[in-house]
Each structure stands twice: as structure tokens, then as C-alpha cells.
PDB file of N, CA and C in Angstrom:
ATOM      1  N   PRO A   1      95.130 112.834  98.085  1.00  0.00           N
ATOM      2  CA  PRO A   1      95.896 112.304  97.039  1.00  0.00           C
ATOM      3  C   PRO A   1      95.012 111.201  96.162  1.00  0.00           C
ATOM      4  N   ASP A   2      94.418 110.685  97.183  1.00  0.00           N
ATOM      5  CA  ASP A   2      92.898 109.747  96.347  1.00  0.00           C
ATOM      6  C   ASP A   2      92.010 110.466  95.414  1.00  0.00           C
ATOM      7  N   ALA A   3      91.918 111.343  95.839  1.00  0.00           N
ATOM      8  CA  ALA A   3      90.705 112.222  94.766  1.00  0.00           C
ATOM      9  C   ALA A   3      91.499 112.670  93.530  1.00  0.00           C
ATOM     10  N   LEU A   4      92.753 113.125  94.196  1.00  0.00           N
ATOM     11  CA  LEU A   4      93.452 113.816  92.598  1.00  0.00           C
ATOM     12  C   LEU A   4      93.709 112.535  91.380  1.00  0.00           C
ATOM     13  N   ALA A   5      93.781 111.576  92.463  1.00  0.00           N
ATOM     14  CA  ALA A   5      94.642 110.185  90.969  1.00  0.00           C
ATOM     15  C   ALA A   5      92.689 109.662  90.424  1.00  0.00           C
ATOM     16  N   TRP A   6      91.927 109.867  91.434  1.00  0.00           N
ATOM     17  CA  TRP A   6      91.016 109.290  90.419  1.00  0.00           C
ATOM     18  C   TRP A   6      90.275 110.319  89.366  1.00  0.00           C
ATOM     19  N   ALA A   7      90.394 111.788  90.141  1.00  0.00           N
ATOM     20  CA  ALA A   7      90.341 112.831  89.160  1.00  0.00           C
ATOM     21  C   ALA A   7      90.635 113.035  87.764  1.00  0.00           C
ATOM     22  N   GLY A   8      92.191 112.580  87.871  1.00  0.00           N
ATOM     23  CA  GLY A   8      92.756 112.652  86.461  1.00  0.00           C
ATOM     24  C   GLY A   8      92.958 111.323  85.843  1.00  0.00           C
ATOM     25  N   THR A   9      92.555 110.289  86.323  1.00  0.00           N
ATOM     26  CA  THR A   9      91.964 109.153  86.054  1.00  0.00           C
ATOM     27  C   THR A   9      90.559 109.716  84.858  1.00  0.00           C
ATOM     28  N   ALA A  10      89.421 110.237  85.442  1.00  0.00           N
ATOM     29  CA  ALA A  10      88.187 110.573  84.742  1.00  0.00           C
ATOM     30  C   ALA A  10      88.803 111.357  83.850  1.00  0.00           C
ATOM     31  N   ALA A  11      89.492 112.536  84.126  1.00  0.00           N
ATOM     32  CA  ALA A  11      90.104 113.372  82.947  1.00  0.00           C
ATOM     33  C   ALA A  11      90.588 112.997  81.671  1.00  0.00           C
ATOM     34  N   ALA A  12      91.627 111.736  81.895  1.00  0.00           N
ATOM     35  CA  ALA A  12      92.320 111.197  81.019  1.00  0.00           C
ATOM     36  C   ALA A  12      91.269 110.269  80.233  1.00  0.00           C
ATOM     37  N   LEU A  13      90.141 109.922  80.844  1.00  0.00           N
ATOM     38  CA  LEU A  13      88.989 108.942  79.943  1.00  0.00           C
ATOM     39  C   LEU A  13      88.167 109.935  79.479  1.00  0.00           C
ATOM     40  N   SER A  14      88.006 111.226  79.615  1.00  0.00           N
ATOM     41  CA  SER A  14      87.462 111.976  79.175  1.00  0.00           C
ATOM     42  C   SER A  14      87.603 112.995  77.899  1.00  0.00           C
ATOM     43  N   VAL A  15      89.321 112.951  77.984  1.00  0.00           N
ATOM     44  CA  VAL A  15      89.737 113.649  76.348  1.00  0.00           C
ATOM     45  C   VAL A  15      90.019 112.536  75.546  1.00  0.00           C
ATOM     46  N   GLN A  16      89.736 111.253  75.954  1.00  0.00           N
ATOM     47  CA  GLN A  16      89.595 110.116  74.346  1.00  0.00           C
ATOM     48  C   GLN A  16      88.405 110.360  73.818  1.00  0.00           C
ATOM     49  N   ARG A  17      87.257 110.821  74.214  1.00  0.00           N
ATOM     50  CA  ARG A  17      86.722 110.937  73.168  1.00  0.00           C
ATOM     51  C   ARG A  17      85.635 112.572  72.906  1.00  0.00           C
ATOM     52  N   ALA A  18      84.966 112.490  72.147  1.00  0.00           N
ATOM     53  CA  ALA A  18      84.539 113.640  71.391  1.00  0.00           C
ATOM     54  C   ALA A  18      83.247 113.758  71.900  1.00  0.00           C
ATOM     55  N   GLY A  19      83.236 115.410  72.265  1.00  0.00           N
ATOM     56  CA  GLY A  19      81.926 115.981  72.680  1.00  0.00           C
ATOM     57  C   GLY A  19      82.113 116.529  74.151  1.00  0.00           C
ATOM     58  N   ALA A  20      80.954 116.798  74.963  1.00  0.00           N
ATOM     59  CA  ALA A  20      81.062 117.223  76.239  1.00  0.00           C
ATOM     60  C   ALA A  20      80.447 116.373  76.600  1.00  0.00           C
ATOM     61  N   ALA A  21      78.766 116.021  77.048  1.00  0.00           N
ATOM     62  CA  ALA A  21      78.577 115.551  77.606  1.00  0.00           C
ATOM     63  C   ALA A  21      78.956 113.428  77.188  1.00  0.00           C
ATOM     64  N   PRO A  22      79.101 113.494  75.985  1.00  0.00           N
ATOM     65  CA  PRO A  22      79.240 111.823  75.742  1.00  0.00           C
ATOM     66  C   PRO A  22      80.332 111.343  76.249  1.00  0.00           C
ATOM     67  N   SER A  23      81.442 112.653  76.172  1.00  0.00           N
ATOM     68  CA  SER A  23      82.894 112.081  76.941  1.00  0.00           C
ATOM     69  C   SER A  23      82.821 112.166  77.996  1.00  0.00           C
ATOM     70  N   MET A  24      82.110 112.136  79.154  1.00  0.00           N
ATOM     71  CA  MET A  24      82.195 112.236  80.610  1.00  0.00           C
ATOM     72  C   MET A  24      82.289 110.689  80.601  1.00  0.00           C
ATOM     73  N   PRO A  25      83.041 109.507  81.125  1.00  0.00           N
ATOM     74  CA  PRO A  25      82.903 108.455  81.941  1.00  0.00           C
ATOM     75  C   PRO A  25      82.313 107.973  82.993  1.00  0.00           C
ATOM     76  N   HIS A  26      81.501 106.552  82.927  1.00  0.00           N
ATOM     77  CA  HIS A  26      80.395 106.679  84.026  1.00  0.00           C
ATOM     78  C   HIS A  26      81.244 105.955  84.945  1.00  0.00           C
ATOM     79  N   ARG A  27      81.070 106.506  86.184  1.00  0.00           N
ATOM     80  CA  ARG A  27      81.796 105.940  87.415  1.00  0.00           C
ATOM     81  C   ARG A  27      82.557 104.389  87.540  1.00  0.00           C
ATOM     82  N   SER A  28      82.028 103.581  87.107  1.00  0.00           N
ATOM     83  CA  SER A  28      82.451 101.932  86.523  1.00  0.00           C
ATOM     84  C   SER A  28      83.314 102.603  86.029  1.00  0.00           C
ATOM     85  N   GLU A  29      83.285 103.035  84.655  1.00  0.00           N
ATOM     86  CA  GLU A  29      84.696 102.925  83.752  1.00  0.00           C
ATOM     87  C   GLU A  29      86.121 103.706  84.914  1.00  0.00           C
ATOM     88  N   ILE A  30      85.765 104.688  85.839  1.00  0.00           N
ATOM     89  CA  ILE A  30      86.978 105.150  86.141  1.00  0.00           C
ATOM     90  C   ILE A  30      87.204 104.604  87.665  1.00  0.00           C
ATOM     91  N   ASP A  31      86.500 103.926  88.181  1.00  0.00           N
ATOM     92  CA  ASP A  31      86.975 103.072  89.118  1.00  0.00           C
ATOM     93  C   ASP A  31      88.242 101.434  88.005  1.00  0.00           C
ATOM     94  N   ALA A  32      87.387 101.318  87.053  1.00  0.00           N
ATOM     95  CA  ALA A  32      88.337 100.249  86.849  1.00  0.00           C
ATOM     96  C   ALA A  32      89.780 100.800  86.146  1.00  0.00           C
ATOM     97  N   SER A  33      89.725 101.804  85.003  1.00  0.00           N
ATOM     98  CA  SER A  33      91.111 102.139  85.274  1.00  0.00           C
ATOM     99  C   SER A  33      91.563 103.037  86.511  1.00  0.00           C
ATOM    100  N   ALA A  34      91.500 103.192  87.179  1.00  0.00           N
ATOM    101  CA  ALA A  34      91.853 103.592  88.498  1.00  0.00           C
ATOM    102  C   ALA A  34      92.543 102.349  89.248  1.00  0.00           C
ATOM    103  N   GLY A  35      91.946 101.183  89.103  1.00  0.00           N
ATOM    104  CA  GLY A  35      92.347  99.835  89.608  1.00  0.00           C
ATOM    105  C   GLY A  35      91.205  99.633  91.237  1.00  0.00           C
ATOM    106  N   VAL A  36      90.661 100.124  90.925  1.00  0.00           N
ATOM    107  CA  VAL A  36      89.622 100.711  92.588  1.00  0.00           C
ATOM    108  C   VAL A  36      88.593  99.186  92.619  1.00  0.00           C
ATOM    109  N   VAL A  37      88.755  98.557  93.351  1.00  0.00           N
ATOM    110  CA  VAL A  37      87.855  97.011  93.839  1.00  0.00           C
ATOM    111  C   VAL A  37      86.691  97.490  94.546  1.00  0.00           C
ATOM    112  N   ALA A  38      85.714  97.400  93.671  1.00  0.00           N
ATOM    113  CA  ALA A  38      84.313  97.375  94.724  1.00  0.00           C
ATOM    114  C   ALA A  38      84.121  96.645  95.710  1.00  0.00           C
TER     115      ALA A  38
END
């Protein structure tokens, strides 16, 4: 379940930007959006 939530967050961030490679979010962006505390 945690992996699916993290992947969903990554997907949600990536569709907000244009392009293939430029739209891939960095791990820190995904963690911040998913509420992960490092």
C-alpha cells in the first residue's frame, strides 16, 4: 500500500508538467507531497 501511494503521488506530480524527462519529479518532491518525513 505504501508503494502504491508513493507511486500515485509521483504520477500526480509528473502529469502537471510538459515533456517526458522534464516532468519526472525528484524523490524529494515526491516525499514532500506524500508527507514522508526523512
